Amino acid sequence: MVAEQRFAKAQPAEGAHHETQNRQFLPATDIIETADAVILKLDMPGVAKEDVDLTVDKETLTIVGKAAQVKPRKVEIAAAG
């Protein structure tokens, strides 16, 4: 499949990963080619559809998603005695 050959050679663009507090995220991706389309399925937990931006420049597809920030919360555990 032509699309798979192109994507197999593709490298993540500089800044293509998500960095928050020294963590990086590059989502798992499935690529499906049909007779009339190429379908990309990305695992982007915490990212709403309306927070995903797709751009194409020449032959480069860029997908950016903004996840909502999750604030740490304090958890108290009481032991029965």
C-alpha atoms as a PDB file:
ATOM      1  CA  MET A   1       0.000   0.000   0.000  1.00  0.00           C
ATOM      2  CA  VAL A   2       1.395   3.362  -1.033  1.00  0.00           C
ATOM      3  CA  ALA A   3       0.220   5.208   2.087  1.00  0.00           C
ATOM      4  CA  GLU A   4       1.783   2.656   4.424  1.00  0.00           C
ATOM      5  CA  GLN A   5       5.086   2.881   2.547  1.00  0.00           C
ATOM      6  CA  ARG A   6       5.132   6.660   2.889  1.00  0.00           C
ATOM      7  CA  PHE A   7       4.138   6.584   6.559  1.00  0.00           C
ATOM      8  CA  ALA A   8       6.628   3.821   7.317  1.00  0.00           C
ATOM      9  CA  LYS A   9       9.391   6.167   6.141  1.00  0.00           C
ATOM     10  CA  ALA A  10       7.947   9.129   8.023  1.00  0.00           C
ATOM     11  CA  GLN A  11       9.656  10.448  11.092  1.00  0.00           C
ATOM     12  CA  PRO A  12       7.957  12.450  13.837  1.00  0.00           C
ATOM     13  CA  ALA A  13       8.360  16.135  13.089  1.00  0.00           C
ATOM     14  CA  GLU A  14      10.388  18.207  15.498  1.00  0.00           C
ATOM     15  CA  GLY A  15       8.036  19.064  18.360  1.00  0.00           C
ATOM     16  CA  ALA A  16       5.622  16.292  17.319  1.00  0.00           C
ATOM     17  CA  HIS A  17       5.513  14.925  20.817  1.00  0.00           C
ATOM     18  CA  HIS A  18       3.739  16.306  23.850  1.00  0.00           C
ATOM     19  CA  GLU A  19       5.918  17.470  26.715  1.00  0.00           C
ATOM     20  CA  THR A  20       4.487  18.265  30.123  1.00  0.00           C
ATOM     21  CA  GLN A  21       6.649  18.161  33.210  1.00  0.00           C
ATOM     22  CA  ASN A  22       9.320  16.120  31.369  1.00  0.00           C
ATOM     23  CA  ARG A  23       6.789  13.640  29.921  1.00  0.00           C
ATOM     24  CA  GLN A  24       6.567  12.917  26.202  1.00  0.00           C
ATOM     25  CA  PHE A  25       3.580  11.601  24.266  1.00  0.00           C
ATOM     26  CA  LEU A  26       3.522  10.264  20.719  1.00  0.00           C
ATOM     27  CA  PRO A  27       0.136   8.586  20.127  1.00  0.00           C
ATOM     28  CA  ALA A  28      -0.327   5.063  18.800  1.00  0.00           C
ATOM     29  CA  THR A  29      -1.577   5.284  15.210  1.00  0.00           C
ATOM     30  CA  ASP A  30      -3.377   2.885  12.867  1.00  0.00           C
ATOM     31  CA  ILE A  31      -3.211   3.614   9.131  1.00  0.00           C
ATOM     32  CA  ILE A  32      -5.889   2.116   6.883  1.00  0.00           C
ATOM     33  CA  GLU A  33      -5.918   2.605   3.109  1.00  0.00           C
ATOM     34  CA  THR A  34      -9.108   1.989   1.126  1.00  0.00           C
ATOM     35  CA  ALA A  35      -9.736   2.388  -2.596  1.00  0.00           C
ATOM     36  CA  ASP A  36     -10.622   6.069  -2.146  1.00  0.00           C
ATOM     37  CA  ALA A  37      -9.203   7.179   1.225  1.00  0.00           C
ATOM     38  CA  VAL A  38      -6.449   6.907   3.786  1.00  0.00           C
ATOM     39  CA  ILE A  39      -7.788   6.646   7.335  1.00  0.00           C
ATOM     40  CA  LEU A  40      -5.667   7.521  10.362  1.00  0.00           C
ATOM     41  CA  LYS A  41      -6.784   6.425  13.823  1.00  0.00           C
ATOM     42  CA  LEU A  42      -4.853   8.032  16.657  1.00  0.00           C
ATOM     43  CA  ASP A  43      -5.053   7.172  20.335  1.00  0.00           C
ATOM     44  CA  MET A  44      -5.324  10.620  21.937  1.00  0.00           C
ATOM     45  CA  PRO A  45      -6.844  10.214  25.405  1.00  0.00           C
ATOM     46  CA  GLY A  46      -8.058  13.425  26.991  1.00  0.00           C
ATOM     47  CA  VAL A  47      -8.261  15.246  23.638  1.00  0.00           C
ATOM     48  CA  ALA A  48     -11.718  16.277  22.410  1.00  0.00           C
ATOM     49  CA  LYS A  49     -12.423  16.165  18.650  1.00  0.00           C
ATOM     50  CA  GLU A  50     -12.838  19.936  18.591  1.00  0.00           C
ATOM     51  CA  ASP A  51      -9.336  20.308  20.099  1.00  0.00           C
ATOM     52  CA  VAL A  52      -7.634  18.490  17.185  1.00  0.00           C
ATOM     53  CA  ASP A  53      -6.076  20.562  14.409  1.00  0.00           C
ATOM     54  CA  LEU A  54      -5.072  19.041  11.043  1.00  0.00           C
ATOM     55  CA  THR A  55      -2.877  20.892   8.563  1.00  0.00           C
ATOM     56  CA  VAL A  56      -1.298  19.848   5.281  1.00  0.00           C
ATOM     57  CA  ASP A  57       1.768  21.607   3.877  1.00  0.00           C
ATOM     58  CA  LYS A  58       3.018  20.138   0.604  1.00  0.00           C
ATOM     59  CA  GLU A  59       3.209  16.402   1.427  1.00  0.00           C
ATOM     60  CA  THR A  60       3.320  16.759   5.213  1.00  0.00           C
ATOM     61  CA  LEU A  61       0.289  16.119   7.405  1.00  0.00           C
ATOM     62  CA  THR A  62       0.509  17.607  10.890  1.00  0.00           C
ATOM     63  CA  ILE A  63      -1.931  16.602  13.628  1.00  0.00           C
ATOM     64  CA  VAL A  64      -1.966  18.574  16.877  1.00  0.00           C
ATOM     65  CA  GLY A  65      -4.258  17.879  19.807  1.00  0.00           C
ATOM     66  CA  LYS A  66      -4.607  19.840  23.021  1.00  0.00           C
ATOM     67  CA  ALA A  67      -5.540  17.822  26.079  1.00  0.00           C
ATOM     68  CA  ALA A  68      -7.207  19.393  29.047  1.00  0.00           C
ATOM     69  CA  GLN A  69      -4.801  19.794  31.947  1.00  0.00           C
ATOM     70  CA  VAL A  70      -5.530  17.561  34.886  1.00  0.00           C
ATOM     71  CA  LYS A  71      -4.667  19.090  38.227  1.00  0.00           C
ATOM     72  CA  PRO A  72      -3.271  16.812  40.920  1.00  0.00           C
ATOM     73  CA  ARG A  73      -5.636  16.243  43.799  1.00  0.00           C
ATOM     74  CA  LYS A  74      -5.048  15.288  47.381  1.00  0.00           C
ATOM     75  CA  VAL A  75      -6.356  11.890  48.435  1.00  0.00           C
ATOM     76  CA  GLU A  76      -6.779  11.002  52.077  1.00  0.00           C
ATOM     77  CA  ILE A  77      -6.989   7.398  53.203  1.00  0.00           C
ATOM     78  CA  ALA A  78      -8.351   6.577  56.641  1.00  0.00           C
ATOM     79  CA  ALA A  79      -7.506   3.263  58.231  1.00  0.00           C
ATOM     80  CA  ALA A  80     -10.131   1.571  60.362  1.00  0.00           C
ATOM     81  CA  GLY A  81      -8.757   0.699  63.737  1.00  0.00           C
END
